[in-house]
Amino acid sequence: MPINDKTTNRPQEIQKEVEETLSSLAGTYTKIGERGERLNNLQGKTILLQDYAYSFQNDACRTRNLMRRRKMRMWGGIIAGIVVLIIIILVPTVRLLVKIICYNHRTFAYIV
């Protein structure tokens, strides 16, 4: 009888294993679908982050160029100010030297 008992239970055991396998496959398919959704979500976030990085890079370049222009304008103003200051100091000094030289030249002409 034991042989017969095993024989009658064998199809039920196989059916039970098939059902467990199908249940396991259904769970696997669900997990695969969820993983695909997460990957799609991650891909969307990656594209968005890439766009933000590109925008940040453009803004950084624009800001760097703006700061460079401001720095050049500042240095140009400083140099122009120094040149004007030198001219303001030198022009009266040169005029005074010319007057002194001309006066000394006339005086020297009278002496000789």
PDB file of N, CA and C in Angstrom:
ATOM      1  N   MET A   1       0.773  -1.192   0.000  1.00  0.00           N
ATOM      2  CA  MET A   1       0.000   0.000   0.000  1.00  0.00           C
ATOM      3  C   MET A   1       0.829   1.280   0.000  1.00  0.00           C
ATOM      4  N   PRO A   2       1.973   1.246   0.595  1.00  0.00           N
ATOM      5  CA  PRO A   2       2.763   2.459   0.585  1.00  0.00           C
ATOM      6  C   PRO A   2       3.111   2.909  -0.824  1.00  0.00           C
ATOM      7  N   ILE A   3       3.313   2.009  -1.747  1.00  0.00           N
ATOM      8  CA  ILE A   3       3.644   2.389  -3.107  1.00  0.00           C
ATOM      9  C   ILE A   3       2.435   3.075  -3.739  1.00  0.00           C
ATOM     10  N   ASN A   4       1.316   2.554  -3.506  1.00  0.00           N
ATOM     11  CA  ASN A   4       0.100   3.125  -4.041  1.00  0.00           C
ATOM     12  C   ASN A   4      -0.161   4.510  -3.460  1.00  0.00           C
ATOM     13  N   ASP A   5       0.124   4.680  -2.170  1.00  0.00           N
ATOM     14  CA  ASP A   5      -0.099   5.966  -1.490  1.00  0.00           C
ATOM     15  C   ASP A   5       0.798   7.042  -2.101  1.00  0.00           C
ATOM     16  N   LYS A   6       2.046   6.677  -2.402  1.00  0.00           N
ATOM     17  CA  LYS A   6       2.965   7.623  -3.019  1.00  0.00           C
ATOM     18  C   LYS A   6       2.522   7.964  -4.434  1.00  0.00           C
ATOM     19  N   THR A   7       1.998   7.012  -5.113  1.00  0.00           N
ATOM     20  CA  THR A   7       1.571   7.216  -6.481  1.00  0.00           C
ATOM     21  C   THR A   7       0.368   8.140  -6.538  1.00  0.00           C
ATOM     22  N   THR A   8      -0.529   8.030  -5.636  1.00  0.00           N
ATOM     23  CA  THR A   8      -1.713   8.886  -5.640  1.00  0.00           C
ATOM     24  C   THR A   8      -1.372  10.305  -5.196  1.00  0.00           C
ATOM     25  N   ASN A   9      -0.410  10.461  -4.341  1.00  0.00           N
ATOM     26  CA  ASN A   9      -0.029  11.794  -3.847  1.00  0.00           C
ATOM     27  C   ASN A   9       0.923  12.512  -4.819  1.00  0.00           C
ATOM     28  N   ARG A  10       1.548  11.805  -5.696  1.00  0.00           N
ATOM     29  CA  ARG A  10       2.541  12.393  -6.594  1.00  0.00           C
ATOM     30  C   ARG A  10       1.926  13.463  -7.504  1.00  0.00           C
ATOM     31  N   PRO A  11       0.832  13.275  -8.149  1.00  0.00           N
ATOM     32  CA  PRO A  11       0.265  14.341  -8.976  1.00  0.00           C
ATOM     33  C   PRO A  11      -0.119  15.567  -8.155  1.00  0.00           C
ATOM     34  N   GLN A  12      -0.587  15.346  -6.939  1.00  0.00           N
ATOM     35  CA  GLN A  12      -0.941  16.480  -6.079  1.00  0.00           C
ATOM     36  C   GLN A  12       0.316  17.260  -5.670  1.00  0.00           C
ATOM     37  N   GLU A  13       1.395  16.550  -5.399  1.00  0.00           N
ATOM     38  CA  GLU A  13       2.658  17.214  -5.051  1.00  0.00           C
ATOM     39  C   GLU A  13       3.189  18.015  -6.240  1.00  0.00           C
ATOM     40  N   ILE A  14       3.094  17.416  -7.412  1.00  0.00           N
ATOM     41  CA  ILE A  14       3.553  18.116  -8.612  1.00  0.00           C
ATOM     42  C   ILE A  14       2.692  19.357  -8.854  1.00  0.00           C
ATOM     43  N   GLN A  15       1.387  19.225  -8.694  1.00  0.00           N
ATOM     44  CA  GLN A  15       0.482  20.362  -8.856  1.00  0.00           C
ATOM     45  C   GLN A  15       0.819  21.458  -7.850  1.00  0.00           C
ATOM     46  N   LYS A  16       1.110  21.054  -6.605  1.00  0.00           N
ATOM     47  CA  LYS A  16       1.462  22.026  -5.568  1.00  0.00           C
ATOM     48  C   LYS A  16       2.770  22.748  -5.923  1.00  0.00           C
ATOM     49  N   GLU A  17       3.766  22.009  -6.412  1.00  0.00           N
ATOM     50  CA  GLU A  17       5.039  22.621  -6.815  1.00  0.00           C
ATOM     51  C   GLU A  17       4.835  23.581  -7.988  1.00  0.00           C
ATOM     52  N   VAL A  18       3.998  23.193  -8.941  1.00  0.00           N
ATOM     53  CA  VAL A  18       3.713  24.050 -10.091  1.00  0.00           C
ATOM     54  C   VAL A  18       3.051  25.342  -9.611  1.00  0.00           C
ATOM     55  N   GLU A  19       2.098  25.253  -8.695  1.00  0.00           N
ATOM     56  CA  GLU A  19       1.417  26.441  -8.166  1.00  0.00           C
ATOM     57  C   GLU A  19       2.400  27.345  -7.413  1.00  0.00           C
ATOM     58  N   GLU A  20       3.291  26.740  -6.640  1.00  0.00           N
ATOM     59  CA  GLU A  20       4.294  27.526  -5.916  1.00  0.00           C
ATOM     60  C   GLU A  20       5.239  28.224  -6.909  1.00  0.00           C
ATOM     61  N   THR A  21       5.615  27.500  -7.947  1.00  0.00           N
ATOM     62  CA  THR A  21       6.499  28.075  -8.969  1.00  0.00           C
ATOM     63  C   THR A  21       5.803  29.224  -9.687  1.00  0.00           C
ATOM     64  N   LEU A  22       4.510  29.012 -10.035  1.00  0.00           N
ATOM     65  CA  LEU A  22       3.761  30.079 -10.704  1.00  0.00           C
ATOM     66  C   LEU A  22       3.607  31.297  -9.789  1.00  0.00           C
ATOM     67  N   SER A  23       3.359  31.038  -8.513  1.00  0.00           N
ATOM     68  CA  SER A  23       3.246  32.140  -7.547  1.00  0.00           C
ATOM     69  C   SER A  23       4.579  32.880  -7.437  1.00  0.00           C
ATOM     70  N   SER A  24       5.653  32.114  -7.403  1.00  0.00           N
ATOM     71  CA  SER A  24       6.984  32.720  -7.323  1.00  0.00           C
ATOM     72  C   SER A  24       7.275  33.527  -8.586  1.00  0.00           C
ATOM     73  N   LEU A  25       6.899  33.013  -9.772  1.00  0.00           N
ATOM     74  CA  LEU A  25       7.098  33.731 -11.024  1.00  0.00           C
ATOM     75  C   LEU A  25       6.276  35.017 -11.059  1.00  0.00           C
ATOM     76  N   ALA A  26       5.051  34.949 -10.552  1.00  0.00           N
ATOM     77  CA  ALA A  26       4.205  36.148 -10.520  1.00  0.00           C
ATOM     78  C   ALA A  26       4.857  37.207  -9.640  1.00  0.00           C
ATOM     79  N   GLY A  27       5.395  36.805  -8.504  1.00  0.00           N
ATOM     80  CA  GLY A  27       6.103  37.747  -7.633  1.00  0.00           C
ATOM     81  C   GLY A  27       7.331  38.315  -8.309  1.00  0.00           C
ATOM     82  N   THR A  28       8.032  37.462  -9.049  1.00  0.00           N
ATOM     83  CA  THR A  28       9.224  37.917  -9.770  1.00  0.00           C
ATOM     84  C   THR A  28       8.842  38.924 -10.852  1.00  0.00           C
ATOM     85  N   TYR A  29       7.756  38.632 -11.605  1.00  0.00           N
ATOM     86  CA  TYR A  29       7.299  39.567 -12.636  1.00  0.00           C
ATOM     87  C   TYR A  29       6.905  40.906 -12.017  1.00  0.00           C
ATOM     88  N   THR A  30       6.267  40.859 -10.871  1.00  0.00           N
ATOM     89  CA  THR A  30       5.885  42.095 -10.184  1.00  0.00           C
ATOM     90  C   THR A  30       7.136  42.889  -9.783  1.00  0.00           C
ATOM     91  N   LYS A  31       8.103  42.177  -9.232  1.00  0.00           N
ATOM     92  CA  LYS A  31       9.344  42.843  -8.830  1.00  0.00           C
ATOM     93  C   LYS A  31      10.081  43.423 -10.039  1.00  0.00           C
ATOM     94  N   ILE A  32      10.064  42.693 -11.162  1.00  0.00           N
ATOM     95  CA  ILE A  32      10.716  43.185 -12.383  1.00  0.00           C
ATOM     96  C   ILE A  32      10.022  44.453 -12.863  1.00  0.00           C
ATOM     97  N   GLY A  33       8.675  44.437 -12.829  1.00  0.00           N
ATOM     98  CA  GLY A  33       7.922  45.630 -13.227  1.00  0.00           C
ATOM     99  C   GLY A  33       8.230  46.814 -12.330  1.00  0.00           C
ATOM    100  N   GLU A  34       8.295  46.592 -11.019  1.00  0.00           N
ATOM    101  CA  GLU A  34       8.615  47.680 -10.083  1.00  0.00           C
ATOM    102  C   GLU A  34      10.034  48.198 -10.331  1.00  0.00           C
ATOM    103  N   ARG A  35      10.938  47.263 -10.596  1.00  0.00           N
ATOM    104  CA  ARG A  35      12.319  47.671 -10.869  1.00  0.00           C
ATOM    105  C   ARG A  35      12.381  48.509 -12.144  1.00  0.00           C
ATOM    106  N   GLY A  36      11.631  48.104 -13.164  1.00  0.00           N
ATOM    107  CA  GLY A  36      11.588  48.877 -14.407  1.00  0.00           C
ATOM    108  C   GLY A  36      11.053  50.285 -14.164  1.00  0.00           C
ATOM    109  N   GLU A  37      10.010  50.404 -13.320  1.00  0.00           N
ATOM    110  CA  GLU A  37       9.473  51.725 -12.992  1.00  0.00           C
ATOM    111  C   GLU A  37      10.518  52.573 -12.266  1.00  0.00           C
ATOM    112  N   ARG A  38      11.222  51.951 -11.333  1.00  0.00           N
ATOM    113  CA  ARG A  38      12.257  52.682 -10.600  1.00  0.00           C
ATOM    114  C   ARG A  38      13.380  53.110 -11.537  1.00  0.00           C
ATOM    115  N   LEU A  39      13.740  52.229 -12.483  1.00  0.00           N
ATOM    116  CA  LEU A  39      14.790  52.588 -13.447  1.00  0.00           C
ATOM    117  C   LEU A  39      14.337  53.740 -14.340  1.00  0.00           C
ATOM    118  N   ASN A  40      13.077  53.708 -14.773  1.00  0.00           N
ATOM    119  CA  ASN A  40      12.556  54.813 -15.577  1.00  0.00           C
ATOM    120  C   ASN A  40      12.550  56.114 -14.784  1.00  0.00           C
ATOM    121  N   ASN A  41      12.158  56.019 -13.518  1.00  0.00           N
ATOM    122  CA  ASN A  41      12.161  57.198 -12.640  1.00  0.00           C
ATOM    123  C   ASN A  41      13.586  57.724 -12.470  1.00  0.00           C
ATOM    124  N   LEU A  42      14.523  56.810 -12.264  1.00  0.00           N
ATOM    125  CA  LEU A  42      15.924  57.199 -12.106  1.00  0.00           C
ATOM    126  C   LEU A  42      16.473  57.809 -13.390  1.00  0.00           C
ATOM    127  N   GLN A  43      16.075  57.266 -14.523  1.00  0.00           N
ATOM    128  CA  GLN A  43      16.517  57.815 -15.804  1.00  0.00           C
ATOM    129  C   GLN A  43      15.980  59.232 -15.995  1.00  0.00           C
ATOM    130  N   GLY A  44      14.718  59.451 -15.619  1.00  0.00           N
ATOM    131  CA  GLY A  44      14.149  60.797 -15.710  1.00  0.00           C
ATOM    132  C   GLY A  44      14.873  61.774 -14.804  1.00  0.00           C
ATOM    133  N   LYS A  45      15.175  61.337 -13.595  1.00  0.00           N
ATOM    134  CA  LYS A  45      15.908  62.203 -12.668  1.00  0.00           C
ATOM    135  C   LYS A  45      17.311  62.498 -13.193  1.00  0.00           C
ATOM    136  N   THR A  46      17.939  61.503 -13.821  1.00  0.00           N
ATOM    137  CA  THR A  46      19.281  61.693 -14.380  1.00  0.00           C
ATOM    138  C   THR A  46      19.263  62.728 -15.492  1.00  0.00           C
ATOM    139  N   ILE A  47      18.265  62.635 -16.359  1.00  0.00           N
ATOM    140  CA  ILE A  47      18.153  63.607 -17.453  1.00  0.00           C
ATOM    141  C   ILE A  47      17.916  65.002 -16.890  1.00  0.00           C
ATOM    142  N   LEU A  48      17.051  65.096 -15.869  1.00  0.00           N
ATOM    143  CA  LEU A  48      16.775  66.392 -15.244  1.00  0.00           C
ATOM    144  C   LEU A  48      18.038  66.954 -14.587  1.00  0.00           C
ATOM    145  N   LEU A  49      18.782  66.108 -13.898  1.00  0.00           N
ATOM    146  CA  LEU A  49      20.025  66.548 -13.261  1.00  0.00           C
ATOM    147  C   LEU A  49      21.044  66.989 -14.298  1.00  0.00           C
ATOM    148  N   GLN A  50      21.098  66.295 -15.418  1.00  0.00           N
ATOM    149  CA  GLN A  50      22.012  66.675 -16.490  1.00  0.00           C
ATOM    150  C   GLN A  50      21.635  68.046 -17.053  1.00  0.00           C
ATOM    151  N   ASP A  51      20.339  68.298 -17.217  1.00  0.00           N
ATOM    152  CA  ASP A  51      19.890  69.610 -17.677  1.00  0.00           C
ATOM    153  C   ASP A  51      20.258  70.705 -16.682  1.00  0.00           C
ATOM    154  N   TYR A  52      20.072  70.421 -15.398  1.00  0.00           N
ATOM    155  CA  TYR A  52      20.442  71.401 -14.367  1.00  0.00           C
ATOM    156  C   TYR A  52      21.944  71.672 -14.387  1.00  0.00           C
ATOM    157  N   ALA A  53      22.747  70.620 -14.576  1.00  0.00           N
ATOM    158  CA  ALA A  53      24.205  70.790 -14.614  1.00  0.00           C
ATOM    159  C   ALA A  53      24.601  71.640 -15.814  1.00  0.00           C
ATOM    160  N   TYR A  54      23.972  71.409 -16.963  1.00  0.00           N
ATOM    161  CA  TYR A  54      24.273  72.201 -18.158  1.00  0.00           C
ATOM    162  C   TYR A  54      23.893  73.660 -17.931  1.00  0.00           C
ATOM    163  N   SER A  55      22.738  73.885 -17.324  1.00  0.00           N
ATOM    164  CA  SER A  55      22.300  75.250 -17.034  1.00  0.00           C
ATOM    165  C   SER A  55      23.256  75.921 -16.042  1.00  0.00           C
ATOM    166  N   PHE A  56      23.679  75.172 -15.023  1.00  0.00           N
ATOM    167  CA  PHE A  56      24.614  75.709 -14.038  1.00  0.00           C
ATOM    168  C   PHE A  56      25.936  76.079 -14.698  1.00  0.00           C
ATOM    169  N   GLN A  57      26.406  75.233 -15.608  1.00  0.00           N
ATOM    170  CA  GLN A  57      27.667  75.506 -16.305  1.00  0.00           C
ATOM    171  C   GLN A  57      27.548  76.788 -17.134  1.00  0.00           C
ATOM    172  N   ASN A  58      26.430  76.950 -17.834  1.00  0.00           N
ATOM    173  CA  ASN A  58      26.239  78.165 -18.628  1.00  0.00           C
ATOM    174  C   ASN A  58      26.185  79.401 -17.735  1.00  0.00           C
ATOM    175  N   ASP A  59      25.469  79.296 -16.614  1.00  0.00           N
ATOM    176  CA  ASP A  59      25.397  80.433 -15.688  1.00  0.00           C
ATOM    177  C   ASP A  59      26.767  80.754 -15.103  1.00  0.00           C
ATOM    178  N   ALA A  60      27.553  79.721 -14.806  1.00  0.00           N
ATOM    179  CA  ALA A  60      28.892  79.938 -14.252  1.00  0.00           C
ATOM    180  C   ALA A  60      29.786  80.645 -15.270  1.00  0.00           C
ATOM    181  N   CYS A  61      29.720  80.229 -16.528  1.00  0.00           N
ATOM    182  CA  CYS A  61      30.526  80.885 -17.574  1.00  0.00           C
ATOM    183  C   CYS A  61      30.097  82.330 -17.745  1.00  0.00           C
ATOM    184  N   ARG A  62      28.793  82.562 -17.752  1.00  0.00           N
ATOM    185  CA  ARG A  62      28.288  83.919 -17.906  1.00  0.00           C
ATOM    186  C   ARG A  62      28.738  84.791 -16.732  1.00  0.00           C
ATOM    187  N   THR A  63      28.653  84.258 -15.525  1.00  0.00           N
ATOM    188  CA  THR A  63      29.071  85.020 -14.341  1.00  0.00           C
ATOM    189  C   THR A  63      30.573  85.281 -14.366  1.00  0.00           C
ATOM    190  N   ARG A  64      31.361  84.277 -14.772  1.00  0.00           N
ATOM    191  CA  ARG A  64      32.817  84.458 -14.839  1.00  0.00           C
ATOM    192  C   ARG A  64      33.168  85.554 -15.837  1.00  0.00           C
ATOM    193  N   ASN A  65      32.521  85.563 -16.998  1.00  0.00           N
ATOM    194  CA  ASN A  65      32.794  86.607 -17.992  1.00  0.00           C
ATOM    195  C   ASN A  65      32.371  87.979 -17.480  1.00  0.00           C
ATOM    196  N   LEU A  66      31.234  88.042 -16.784  1.00  0.00           N
ATOM    197  CA  LEU A  66      30.781  89.310 -16.219  1.00  0.00           C
ATOM    198  C   LEU A  66      31.777  89.841 -15.197  1.00  0.00           C
ATOM    199  N   MET A  67      32.252  88.966 -14.325  1.00  0.00           N
ATOM    200  CA  MET A  67      33.217  89.390 -13.314  1.00  0.00           C
ATOM    201  C   MET A  67      34.541  89.807 -13.957  1.00  0.00           C
ATOM    202  N   ARG A  68      34.939  89.106 -15.012  1.00  0.00           N
ATOM    203  CA  ARG A  68      36.169  89.475 -15.724  1.00  0.00           C
ATOM    204  C   ARG A  68      36.043  90.869 -16.322  1.00  0.00           C
ATOM    205  N   ARG A  69      34.860  91.171 -16.930  1.00  0.00           N
ATOM    206  CA  ARG A  69      34.653  92.509 -17.507  1.00  0.00           C
ATOM    207  C   ARG A  69      34.660  93.577 -16.423  1.00  0.00           C
ATOM    208  N   ARG A  70      34.028  93.277 -15.294  1.00  0.00           N
ATOM    209  CA  ARG A  70      34.021  94.252 -14.195  1.00  0.00           C
ATOM    210  C   ARG A  70      35.443  94.512 -13.688  1.00  0.00           C
ATOM    211  N   LYS A  71      36.217  93.441 -13.584  1.00  0.00           N
ATOM    212  CA  LYS A  71      37.601  93.589 -13.123  1.00  0.00           C
ATOM    213  C   LYS A  71      38.406  94.423 -14.109  1.00  0.00           C
ATOM    214  N   MET A  72      38.215  94.192 -15.407  1.00  0.00           N
ATOM    215  CA  MET A  72      38.941  94.970 -16.418  1.00  0.00           C
ATOM    216  C   MET A  72      38.529  96.442 -16.373  1.00  0.00           C
ATOM    217  N   ARG A  73      37.219  96.679 -16.190  1.00  0.00           N
ATOM    218  CA  ARG A  73      36.772  98.073 -16.084  1.00  0.00           C
ATOM    219  C   ARG A  73      37.389  98.742 -14.861  1.00  0.00           C
ATOM    220  N   MET A  74      37.454  98.002 -13.754  1.00  0.00           N
ATOM    221  CA  MET A  74      38.040  98.567 -12.540  1.00  0.00           C
ATOM    222  C   MET A  74      39.514  98.921 -12.776  1.00  0.00           C
ATOM    223  N   TRP A  75      40.267  97.977 -13.352  1.00  0.00           N
ATOM    224  CA  TRP A  75      41.684  98.241 -13.597  1.00  0.00           C
ATOM    225  C   TRP A  75      41.866  99.353 -14.627  1.00  0.00           C
ATOM    226  N   GLY A  76      40.981  99.395 -15.630  1.00  0.00           N
ATOM    227  CA  GLY A  76      41.053 100.484 -16.604  1.00  0.00           C
ATOM    228  C   GLY A  76      40.817 101.832 -15.934  1.00  0.00           C
ATOM    229  N   GLY A  77      39.852 101.883 -15.011  1.00  0.00           N
ATOM    230  CA  GLY A  77      39.598 103.124 -14.275  1.00  0.00           C
ATOM    231  C   GLY A  77      40.763 103.516 -13.396  1.00  0.00           C
ATOM    232  N   ILE A  78      41.369 102.537 -12.739  1.00  0.00           N
ATOM    233  CA  ILE A  78      42.533 102.827 -11.882  1.00  0.00           C
ATOM    234  C   ILE A  78      43.686 103.354 -12.723  1.00  0.00           C
ATOM    235  N   ILE A  79      43.963 102.706 -13.838  1.00  0.00           N
ATOM    236  CA  ILE A  79      45.068 103.147 -14.698  1.00  0.00           C
ATOM    237  C   ILE A  79      44.783 104.529 -15.273  1.00  0.00           C
ATOM    238  N   ALA A  80      43.534 104.767 -15.715  1.00  0.00           N
ATOM    239  CA  ALA A  80      43.176 106.084 -16.243  1.00  0.00           C
ATOM    240  C   ALA A  80      43.328 107.147 -15.161  1.00  0.00           C
ATOM    241  N   GLY A  81      42.918 106.827 -13.941  1.00  0.00           N
ATOM    242  CA  GLY A  81      43.076 107.771 -12.827  1.00  0.00           C
ATOM    243  C   GLY A  81      44.527 108.090 -12.551  1.00  0.00           C
ATOM    244  N   ILE A  82      45.371 107.074 -12.587  1.00  0.00           N
ATOM    245  CA  ILE A  82      46.804 107.298 -12.352  1.00  0.00           C
ATOM    246  C   ILE A  82      47.387 108.162 -13.462  1.00  0.00           C
ATOM    247  N   VAL A  83      47.010 107.897 -14.717  1.00  0.00           N
ATOM    248  CA  VAL A  83      47.513 108.697 -15.837  1.00  0.00           C
ATOM    249  C   VAL A  83      47.067 110.148 -15.690  1.00  0.00           C
ATOM    250  N   VAL A  84      45.794 110.368 -15.352  1.00  0.00           N
ATOM    251  CA  VAL A  84      45.294 111.735 -15.172  1.00  0.00           C
ATOM    252  C   VAL A  84      46.029 112.412 -14.020  1.00  0.00           C
ATOM    253  N   LEU A  85      46.241 111.690 -12.936  1.00  0.00           N
ATOM    254  CA  LEU A  85      46.966 112.261 -11.795  1.00  0.00           C
ATOM    255  C   LEU A  85      48.394 112.629 -12.189  1.00  0.00           C
ATOM    256  N   ILE A  86      49.058 111.774 -12.946  1.00  0.00           N
ATOM    257  CA  ILE A  86      50.418 112.084 -13.399  1.00  0.00           C
ATOM    258  C   ILE A  86      50.410 113.317 -14.304  1.00  0.00           C
ATOM    259  N   ILE A  87      49.413 113.393 -15.196  1.00  0.00           N
ATOM    260  CA  ILE A  87      49.321 114.565 -16.083  1.00  0.00           C
ATOM    261  C   ILE A  87      49.071 115.822 -15.268  1.00  0.00           C
ATOM    262  N   ILE A  88      48.195 115.746 -14.282  1.00  0.00           N
ATOM    263  CA  ILE A  88      47.906 116.916 -13.441  1.00  0.00           C
ATOM    264  C   ILE A  88      49.152 117.361 -12.699  1.00  0.00           C
ATOM    265  N   ILE A  89      49.948 116.422 -12.264  1.00  0.00           N
ATOM    266  CA  ILE A  89      51.168 116.771 -11.537  1.00  0.00           C
ATOM    267  C   ILE A  89      52.255 117.257 -12.496  1.00  0.00           C
ATOM    268  N   LEU A  90      52.409 116.607 -13.651  1.00  0.00           N
ATOM    269  CA  LEU A  90      53.513 116.925 -14.547  1.00  0.00           C
ATOM    270  C   LEU A  90      53.308 118.209 -15.349  1.00  0.00           C
ATOM    271  N   VAL A  91      52.098 118.500 -15.795  1.00  0.00           N
ATOM    272  CA  VAL A  91      51.888 119.676 -16.651  1.00  0.00           C
ATOM    273  C   VAL A  91      52.285 120.965 -15.931  1.00  0.00           C
ATOM    274  N   PRO A  92      51.808 121.222 -14.717  1.00  0.00           N
ATOM    275  CA  PRO A  92      52.260 122.456 -14.056  1.00  0.00           C
ATOM    276  C   PRO A  92      53.766 122.446 -13.762  1.00  0.00           C
ATOM    277  N   THR A  93      54.285 121.266 -13.428  1.00  0.00           N
ATOM    278  CA  THR A  93      55.714 121.173 -13.142  1.00  0.00           C
ATOM    279  C   THR A  93      56.517 121.475 -14.404  1.00  0.00           C
ATOM    280  N   VAL A  94      56.100 120.940 -15.533  1.00  0.00           N
ATOM    281  CA  VAL A  94      56.806 121.194 -16.795  1.00  0.00           C
ATOM    282  C   VAL A  94      56.698 122.666 -17.160  1.00  0.00           C
ATOM    283  N   ARG A  95      55.514 123.249 -16.985  1.00  0.00           N
ATOM    284  CA  ARG A  95      55.362 124.682 -17.282  1.00  0.00           C
ATOM    285  C   ARG A  95      56.287 125.511 -16.392  1.00  0.00           C
ATOM    286  N   LEU A  96      56.343 125.153 -15.125  1.00  0.00           N
ATOM    287  CA  LEU A  96      57.217 125.875 -14.203  1.00  0.00           C
ATOM    288  C   LEU A  96      58.676 125.713 -14.636  1.00  0.00           C
ATOM    289  N   LEU A  97      59.077 124.523 -15.021  1.00  0.00           N
ATOM    290  CA  LEU A  97      60.451 124.301 -15.471  1.00  0.00           C
ATOM    291  C   LEU A  97      60.744 125.085 -16.743  1.00  0.00           C
ATOM    292  N   VAL A  98      59.779 125.146 -17.648  1.00  0.00           N
ATOM    293  CA  VAL A  98      59.981 125.910 -18.878  1.00  0.00           C
ATOM    294  C   VAL A  98      60.150 127.381 -18.547  1.00  0.00           C
ATOM    295  N   LYS A  99      59.331 127.888 -17.626  1.00  0.00           N
ATOM    296  CA  LYS A  99      59.466 129.298 -17.232  1.00  0.00           C
ATOM    297  C   LYS A  99      60.816 129.549 -16.578  1.00  0.00           C
ATOM    298  N   ILE A 100      61.227 128.626 -15.727  1.00  0.00           N
ATOM    299  CA  ILE A 100      62.523 128.795 -15.061  1.00  0.00           C
ATOM    300  C   ILE A 100      63.654 128.770 -16.083  1.00  0.00           C
ATOM    301  N   ILE A 101      63.586 127.854 -17.015  1.00  0.00           N
ATOM    302  CA  ILE A 101      64.635 127.751 -18.028  1.00  0.00           C
ATOM    303  C   ILE A 101      64.642 129.002 -18.905  1.00  0.00           C
ATOM    304  N   CYS A 102      63.459 129.435 -19.307  1.00  0.00           N
ATOM    305  CA  CYS A 102      63.399 130.637 -20.154  1.00  0.00           C
ATOM    306  C   CYS A 102      63.886 131.854 -19.365  1.00  0.00           C
ATOM    307  N   TYR A 103      63.513 131.972 -18.127  1.00  0.00           N
ATOM    308  CA  TYR A 103      63.933 133.095 -17.313  1.00  0.00           C
ATOM    309  C   TYR A 103      65.445 133.064 -17.129  1.00  0.00           C
ATOM    310  N   ASN A 104      65.978 131.894 -16.810  1.00  0.00           N
ATOM    311  CA  ASN A 104      67.421 131.770 -16.647  1.00  0.00           C
ATOM    312  C   ASN A 104      68.142 132.023 -17.963  1.00  0.00           C
ATOM    313  N   HIS A 105      67.553 131.623 -19.049  1.00  0.00           N
ATOM    314  CA  HIS A 105      68.172 131.855 -20.348  1.00  0.00           C
ATOM    315  C   HIS A 105      68.206 133.352 -20.666  1.00  0.00           C
ATOM    316  N   ARG A 106      67.115 134.061 -20.362  1.00  0.00           N
ATOM    317  CA  ARG A 106      67.095 135.499 -20.605  1.00  0.00           C
ATOM    318  C   ARG A 106      68.087 136.202 -19.666  1.00  0.00           C
ATOM    319  N   THR A 107      68.109 135.747 -18.427  1.00  0.00           N
ATOM    320  CA  THR A 107      69.032 136.334 -17.467  1.00  0.00           C
ATOM    321  C   THR A 107      70.457 136.090 -17.896  1.00  0.00           C
ATOM    322  N   PHE A 108      70.721 134.870 -18.331  1.00  0.00           N
ATOM    323  CA  PHE A 108      72.050 134.535 -18.786  1.00  0.00           C
ATOM    324  C   PHE A 108      72.406 135.367 -20.025  1.00  0.00           C
ATOM    325  N   ALA A 109      71.450 135.640 -20.863  1.00  0.00           N
ATOM    326  CA  ALA A 109      71.706 136.452 -22.066  1.00  0.00           C
ATOM    327  C   ALA A 109      72.048 137.879 -21.659  1.00  0.00           C
ATOM    328  N   TYR A 110      71.417 138.389 -20.626  1.00  0.00           N
ATOM    329  CA  TYR A 110      71.693 139.745 -20.201  1.00  0.00           C
ATOM    330  C   TYR A 110      73.071 139.833 -19.541  1.00  0.00           C
ATOM    331  N   ILE A 111      73.475 138.779 -18.842  1.00  0.00           N
ATOM    332  CA  ILE A 111      74.749 138.800 -18.176  1.00  0.00           C
ATOM    333  C   ILE A 111      75.883 138.761 -19.209  1.00  0.00           C
ATOM    334  N   VAL A 112      75.733 137.977 -20.172  1.00  0.00           N
ATOM    335  CA  VAL A 112      76.787 137.807 -21.126  1.00  0.00           C
ATOM    336  C   VAL A 112      76.747 138.932 -22.094  1.00  0.00           C
TER     337      VAL A 112
END
